Amino acid sequence: MSLIEYLEHDNWREVLHRNFEGAINLLQTDRFGRCSSAVDDIKSWLTCGGVSRVKLQLNRQMKGRRLDEERQGEIRDYLEQLVQKNQRSLLELIADGIIPWNQADFLTTMGIAEAEFDAMWEQILIGANPFETWMLANGYSQDQINQIYQIIDRWLVKTELNLDTRPDEPTWN
């Protein structure tokens, strides 16, 4: 059965949890391994467009199956909880290129609003470190922050991201 068919039943939370985490586990260990069609749905959505794609497909299918609005809202909310719970794994999959990078998914995964990110970016441009400040203010431990920095560093190296240099800044390397 496809994922949406399972979400019509009373135990939908357990099913969504099991299949979402199962998809992440397979993407980390055996991307092309055999799995149920429900896990395969999530795996393919994640690898084609990340969390944004999962949300889009679930919304389309929930509408197509005419799930009541309350259930749809509950599913969306629970998916957000699963994304936050599996934040580190999702970031690692993004860093490894298994989930394609896009800013919207990064912000969703980190739980940062776009306006908040834009304000942080402005601070970064003047030499501040608002991302770490935000993480500390939102309950991240220093160990978690260090792990996130390692994931971001790995992604930067893998993508060979070249930052523009500022020739007018004498301390800029």
C-alpha atoms as a PDB file:
ATOM      1  CA  MET A   1       0.000   0.000   0.000  1.00  0.00           C
ATOM      2  CA  SER A   2       1.136   3.538  -0.625  1.00  0.00           C
ATOM      3  CA  LEU A   3       1.696   5.894   2.281  1.00  0.00           C
ATOM      4  CA  ILE A   4      -1.510   7.864   1.783  1.00  0.00           C
ATOM      5  CA  GLU A   5      -3.611   4.730   2.112  1.00  0.00           C
ATOM      6  CA  TYR A   6      -2.115   4.059   5.535  1.00  0.00           C
ATOM      7  CA  LEU A   7      -2.743   7.627   6.653  1.00  0.00           C
ATOM      8  CA  GLU A   8      -6.482   7.082   6.332  1.00  0.00           C
ATOM      9  CA  HIS A   9      -6.461   4.703   9.313  1.00  0.00           C
ATOM     10  CA  ASP A  10      -6.550   5.462  13.030  1.00  0.00           C
ATOM     11  CA  ASN A  11      -2.905   4.461  13.596  1.00  0.00           C
ATOM     12  CA  TRP A  12      -1.626   6.954  11.020  1.00  0.00           C
ATOM     13  CA  ARG A  13       0.877   8.599  13.427  1.00  0.00           C
ATOM     14  CA  GLU A  14       2.664   5.314  14.078  1.00  0.00           C
ATOM     15  CA  VAL A  15       2.681   4.531  10.358  1.00  0.00           C
ATOM     16  CA  LEU A  16       4.009   7.951   9.349  1.00  0.00           C
ATOM     17  CA  HIS A  17       6.676   7.796  12.060  1.00  0.00           C
ATOM     18  CA  ARG A  18       7.820   4.296  11.095  1.00  0.00           C
ATOM     19  CA  ASN A  19       7.890   5.003   7.364  1.00  0.00           C
ATOM     20  CA  PHE A  20       9.557   8.428   7.633  1.00  0.00           C
ATOM     21  CA  GLU A  21      12.337   7.131   9.851  1.00  0.00           C
ATOM     22  CA  GLY A  22      12.585   3.956   7.771  1.00  0.00           C
ATOM     23  CA  ALA A  23      13.135   6.031   4.641  1.00  0.00           C
ATOM     24  CA  ILE A  24      15.836   8.089   6.353  1.00  0.00           C
ATOM     25  CA  ASN A  25      17.539   4.936   7.612  1.00  0.00           C
ATOM     26  CA  LEU A  26      17.573   3.382   4.148  1.00  0.00           C
ATOM     27  CA  LEU A  27      18.889   6.585   2.590  1.00  0.00           C
ATOM     28  CA  GLN A  28      21.725   6.525   5.118  1.00  0.00           C
ATOM     29  CA  THR A  29      22.585   2.850   4.760  1.00  0.00           C
ATOM     30  CA  ASP A  30      21.265   1.324   1.530  1.00  0.00           C
ATOM     31  CA  ARG A  31      19.651   3.930  -0.663  1.00  0.00           C
ATOM     32  CA  PHE A  32      18.428   1.409  -3.227  1.00  0.00           C
ATOM     33  CA  GLY A  33      17.507  -1.343  -0.783  1.00  0.00           C
ATOM     34  CA  ARG A  34      14.164  -3.093  -0.901  1.00  0.00           C
ATOM     35  CA  CYS A  35      11.364  -1.576   1.123  1.00  0.00           C
ATOM     36  CA  SER A  36       7.614  -1.157   1.306  1.00  0.00           C
ATOM     37  CA  SER A  37       5.866   1.140  -1.129  1.00  0.00           C
ATOM     38  CA  ALA A  38       5.105   3.563   1.728  1.00  0.00           C
ATOM     39  CA  VAL A  39       8.802   3.871   2.630  1.00  0.00           C
ATOM     40  CA  ASP A  40       9.638   4.089  -1.056  1.00  0.00           C
ATOM     41  CA  ASP A  41       7.208   7.014  -1.438  1.00  0.00           C
ATOM     42  CA  ILE A  42       9.040   9.009   1.226  1.00  0.00           C
ATOM     43  CA  LYS A  43      12.493   7.957  -0.012  1.00  0.00           C
ATOM     44  CA  SER A  44      11.742   9.073  -3.550  1.00  0.00           C
ATOM     45  CA  TRP A  45      10.192  12.349  -2.422  1.00  0.00           C
ATOM     46  CA  LEU A  46      13.175  13.141  -0.229  1.00  0.00           C
ATOM     47  CA  THR A  47      15.709  12.369  -2.964  1.00  0.00           C
ATOM     48  CA  CYS A  48      13.754  14.321  -5.584  1.00  0.00           C
ATOM     49  CA  GLY A  49      13.109  17.464  -3.599  1.00  0.00           C
ATOM     50  CA  GLY A  50      13.670  17.035   0.103  1.00  0.00           C
ATOM     51  CA  VAL A  51      11.205  17.799   2.860  1.00  0.00           C
ATOM     52  CA  SER A  52       9.454  20.340   0.626  1.00  0.00           C
ATOM     53  CA  ARG A  53       8.668  17.574  -1.842  1.00  0.00           C
ATOM     54  CA  VAL A  54       7.356  15.301   0.928  1.00  0.00           C
ATOM     55  CA  LYS A  55       5.016  18.077   2.060  1.00  0.00           C
ATOM     56  CA  LEU A  56       3.887  18.827  -1.494  1.00  0.00           C
ATOM     57  CA  GLN A  57       3.154  15.190  -2.320  1.00  0.00           C
ATOM     58  CA  LEU A  58       1.365  14.534   0.949  1.00  0.00           C
ATOM     59  CA  ASN A  59      -0.761  17.649   0.471  1.00  0.00           C
ATOM     60  CA  ARG A  60      -1.681  16.583  -3.078  1.00  0.00           C
ATOM     61  CA  GLN A  61      -2.525  13.062  -2.022  1.00  0.00           C
ATOM     62  CA  MET A  62      -4.484  14.117   1.064  1.00  0.00           C
ATOM     63  CA  LYS A  63      -6.534  16.462  -1.084  1.00  0.00           C
ATOM     64  CA  GLY A  64      -7.005  13.786  -3.751  1.00  0.00           C
ATOM     65  CA  ARG A  65      -8.162  11.255  -1.140  1.00  0.00           C
ATOM     66  CA  ARG A  66     -10.426  13.925   0.388  1.00  0.00           C
ATOM     67  CA  LEU A  67      -9.110  13.524   3.901  1.00  0.00           C
ATOM     68  CA  ASP A  68     -10.910  15.885   6.239  1.00  0.00           C
ATOM     69  CA  GLU A  69      -9.174  19.190   6.949  1.00  0.00           C
ATOM     70  CA  GLU A  70      -8.557  18.355  10.592  1.00  0.00           C
ATOM     71  CA  ARG A  71      -6.714  15.137   9.715  1.00  0.00           C
ATOM     72  CA  GLN A  72      -4.698  16.957   7.048  1.00  0.00           C
ATOM     73  CA  GLY A  73      -3.626  19.571   9.588  1.00  0.00           C
ATOM     74  CA  GLU A  74      -2.689  16.890  12.106  1.00  0.00           C
ATOM     75  CA  ILE A  75      -0.596  15.065   9.492  1.00  0.00           C
ATOM     76  CA  ARG A  76       1.201  18.293   8.511  1.00  0.00           C
ATOM     77  CA  ASP A  77       1.917  19.112  12.159  1.00  0.00           C
ATOM     78  CA  TYR A  78       3.176  15.610  12.893  1.00  0.00           C
ATOM     79  CA  LEU A  79       5.402  15.676   9.822  1.00  0.00           C
ATOM     80  CA  GLU A  80       6.969  18.907  11.145  1.00  0.00           C
ATOM     81  CA  GLN A  81       7.656  17.133  14.438  1.00  0.00           C
ATOM     82  CA  LEU A  82       9.295  14.231  12.581  1.00  0.00           C
ATOM     83  CA  VAL A  83      11.455  16.643  10.591  1.00  0.00           C
ATOM     84  CA  GLN A  84      12.657  18.323  13.782  1.00  0.00           C
ATOM     85  CA  LYS A  85      13.220  14.983  15.505  1.00  0.00           C
ATOM     86  CA  ASN A  86      15.308  13.753  12.556  1.00  0.00           C
ATOM     87  CA  GLN A  87      17.021  17.076  11.931  1.00  0.00           C
ATOM     88  CA  ARG A  88      20.579  15.828  12.193  1.00  0.00           C
ATOM     89  CA  SER A  89      19.994  12.865   9.881  1.00  0.00           C
ATOM     90  CA  LEU A  90      18.265  15.057   7.308  1.00  0.00           C
ATOM     91  CA  LEU A  91      21.103  17.606   7.419  1.00  0.00           C
ATOM     92  CA  GLU A  92      23.643  14.807   6.934  1.00  0.00           C
ATOM     93  CA  LEU A  93      21.704  13.517   3.922  1.00  0.00           C
ATOM     94  CA  ILE A  94      21.694  17.050   2.498  1.00  0.00           C
ATOM     95  CA  ALA A  95      25.434  17.381   3.179  1.00  0.00           C
ATOM     96  CA  ASP A  96      26.068  14.050   1.449  1.00  0.00           C
ATOM     97  CA  GLY A  97      24.067  15.115  -1.611  1.00  0.00           C
ATOM     98  CA  ILE A  98      21.453  12.385  -1.187  1.00  0.00           C
ATOM     99  CA  ILE A  99      18.763  14.966  -0.474  1.00  0.00           C
ATOM    100  CA  PRO A 100      19.193  17.889  -2.864  1.00  0.00           C
ATOM    101  CA  TRP A 101      20.160  21.203  -1.277  1.00  0.00           C
ATOM    102  CA  ASN A 102      17.703  24.053  -1.297  1.00  0.00           C
ATOM    103  CA  GLN A 103      17.321  26.896   1.111  1.00  0.00           C
ATOM    104  CA  ALA A 104      13.670  26.173   1.891  1.00  0.00           C
ATOM    105  CA  ASP A 105      14.447  22.642   3.069  1.00  0.00           C
ATOM    106  CA  PHE A 106      17.400  23.796   5.116  1.00  0.00           C
ATOM    107  CA  LEU A 107      15.256  26.429   6.830  1.00  0.00           C
ATOM    108  CA  THR A 108      12.403  23.965   7.399  1.00  0.00           C
ATOM    109  CA  THR A 109      14.772  21.367   8.788  1.00  0.00           C
ATOM    110  CA  MET A 110      16.382  23.899  11.107  1.00  0.00           C
ATOM    111  CA  GLY A 111      13.042  25.468  12.068  1.00  0.00           C
ATOM    112  CA  ILE A 112      14.039  28.962  10.925  1.00  0.00           C
ATOM    113  CA  ALA A 113      11.637  31.356   9.170  1.00  0.00           C
ATOM    114  CA  GLU A 114      12.897  32.885   5.917  1.00  0.00           C
ATOM    115  CA  ALA A 115      12.685  36.434   7.297  1.00  0.00           C
ATOM    116  CA  GLU A 116      14.669  35.344  10.338  1.00  0.00           C
ATOM    117  CA  PHE A 117      17.292  33.758   8.065  1.00  0.00           C
ATOM    118  CA  ASP A 118      17.537  36.918   5.950  1.00  0.00           C
ATOM    119  CA  ALA A 119      18.149  38.959   9.107  1.00  0.00           C
ATOM    120  CA  MET A 120      20.829  36.456  10.173  1.00  0.00           C
ATOM    121  CA  TRP A 121      22.472  36.714   6.766  1.00  0.00           C
ATOM    122  CA  GLU A 122      22.706  40.478   7.135  1.00  0.00           C
ATOM    123  CA  GLN A 123      24.425  39.971  10.483  1.00  0.00           C
ATOM    124  CA  ILE A 124      26.833  37.421   8.974  1.00  0.00           C
ATOM    125  CA  LEU A 125      27.816  39.909   6.297  1.00  0.00           C
ATOM    126  CA  ILE A 126      29.005  42.335   8.992  1.00  0.00           C
ATOM    127  CA  GLY A 127      30.965  39.625  10.809  1.00  0.00           C
ATOM    128  CA  ALA A 128      28.507  38.497  13.490  1.00  0.00           C
ATOM    129  CA  ASN A 129      27.563  34.869  14.221  1.00  0.00           C
ATOM    130  CA  PRO A 130      23.772  35.018  14.591  1.00  0.00           C
ATOM    131  CA  PHE A 131      23.203  31.376  13.590  1.00  0.00           C
ATOM    132  CA  GLU A 132      25.050  30.089  16.637  1.00  0.00           C
ATOM    133  CA  THR A 133      23.329  32.702  18.807  1.00  0.00           C
ATOM    134  CA  TRP A 134      19.963  31.519  17.462  1.00  0.00           C
ATOM    135  CA  MET A 135      20.810  27.864  18.113  1.00  0.00           C
ATOM    136  CA  LEU A 136      21.878  28.615  21.696  1.00  0.00           C
ATOM    137  CA  ALA A 137      18.702  30.644  22.281  1.00  0.00           C
ATOM    138  CA  ASN A 138      16.619  27.742  20.947  1.00  0.00           C
ATOM    139  CA  GLY A 139      18.068  25.144  23.288  1.00  0.00           C
ATOM    140  CA  TYR A 140      20.801  23.569  21.167  1.00  0.00           C
ATOM    141  CA  SER A 141      23.734  22.297  23.195  1.00  0.00           C
ATOM    142  CA  GLN A 142      27.280  23.235  22.212  1.00  0.00           C
ATOM    143  CA  ASP A 143      27.792  19.593  21.201  1.00  0.00           C
ATOM    144  CA  GLN A 144      24.782  19.761  18.854  1.00  0.00           C
ATOM    145  CA  ILE A 145      26.034  23.045  17.417  1.00  0.00           C
ATOM    146  CA  ASN A 146      29.466  21.538  16.795  1.00  0.00           C
ATOM    147  CA  GLN A 147      27.851  18.559  15.050  1.00  0.00           C
ATOM    148  CA  ILE A 148      25.812  20.883  12.834  1.00  0.00           C
ATOM    149  CA  TYR A 149      28.955  22.848  11.971  1.00  0.00           C
ATOM    150  CA  GLN A 150      30.677  19.575  11.002  1.00  0.00           C
ATOM    151  CA  ILE A 151      27.771  18.684   8.724  1.00  0.00           C
ATOM    152  CA  ILE A 152      27.813  22.144   7.128  1.00  0.00           C
ATOM    153  CA  ASP A 153      31.599  22.005   6.698  1.00  0.00           C
ATOM    154  CA  ARG A 154      31.323  18.594   5.040  1.00  0.00           C
ATOM    155  CA  TRP A 155      28.660  19.945   2.696  1.00  0.00           C
ATOM    156  CA  LEU A 156      30.760  23.015   1.827  1.00  0.00           C
ATOM    157  CA  VAL A 157      33.781  20.848   1.016  1.00  0.00           C
ATOM    158  CA  LYS A 158      31.697  18.395  -0.995  1.00  0.00           C
ATOM    159  CA  THR A 159      30.023  21.108  -3.058  1.00  0.00           C
ATOM    160  CA  GLU A 160      33.268  23.039  -3.382  1.00  0.00           C
ATOM    161  CA  LEU A 161      31.408  26.188  -2.498  1.00  0.00           C
ATOM    162  CA  ASN A 162      33.464  29.226  -3.403  1.00  0.00           C
ATOM    163  CA  LEU A 163      32.695  32.295  -1.365  1.00  0.00           C
ATOM    164  CA  ASP A 164      33.304  35.659  -2.956  1.00  0.00           C
ATOM    165  CA  THR A 165      36.342  37.354  -1.543  1.00  0.00           C
ATOM    166  CA  ARG A 166      36.238  40.943  -0.468  1.00  0.00           C
ATOM    167  CA  PRO A 167      39.367  42.635  -1.821  1.00  0.00           C
ATOM    168  CA  ASP A 168      38.696  45.690   0.330  1.00  0.00           C
ATOM    169  CA  GLU A 169      38.959  43.626   3.533  1.00  0.00           C
ATOM    170  CA  PRO A 170      42.646  43.127   4.487  1.00  0.00           C
ATOM    171  CA  THR A 171      41.934  40.289   6.951  1.00  0.00           C
ATOM    172  CA  TRP A 172      39.776  38.283   4.552  1.00  0.00           C
ATOM    173  CA  ASN A 173      41.502  35.063   3.463  1.00  0.00           C
END
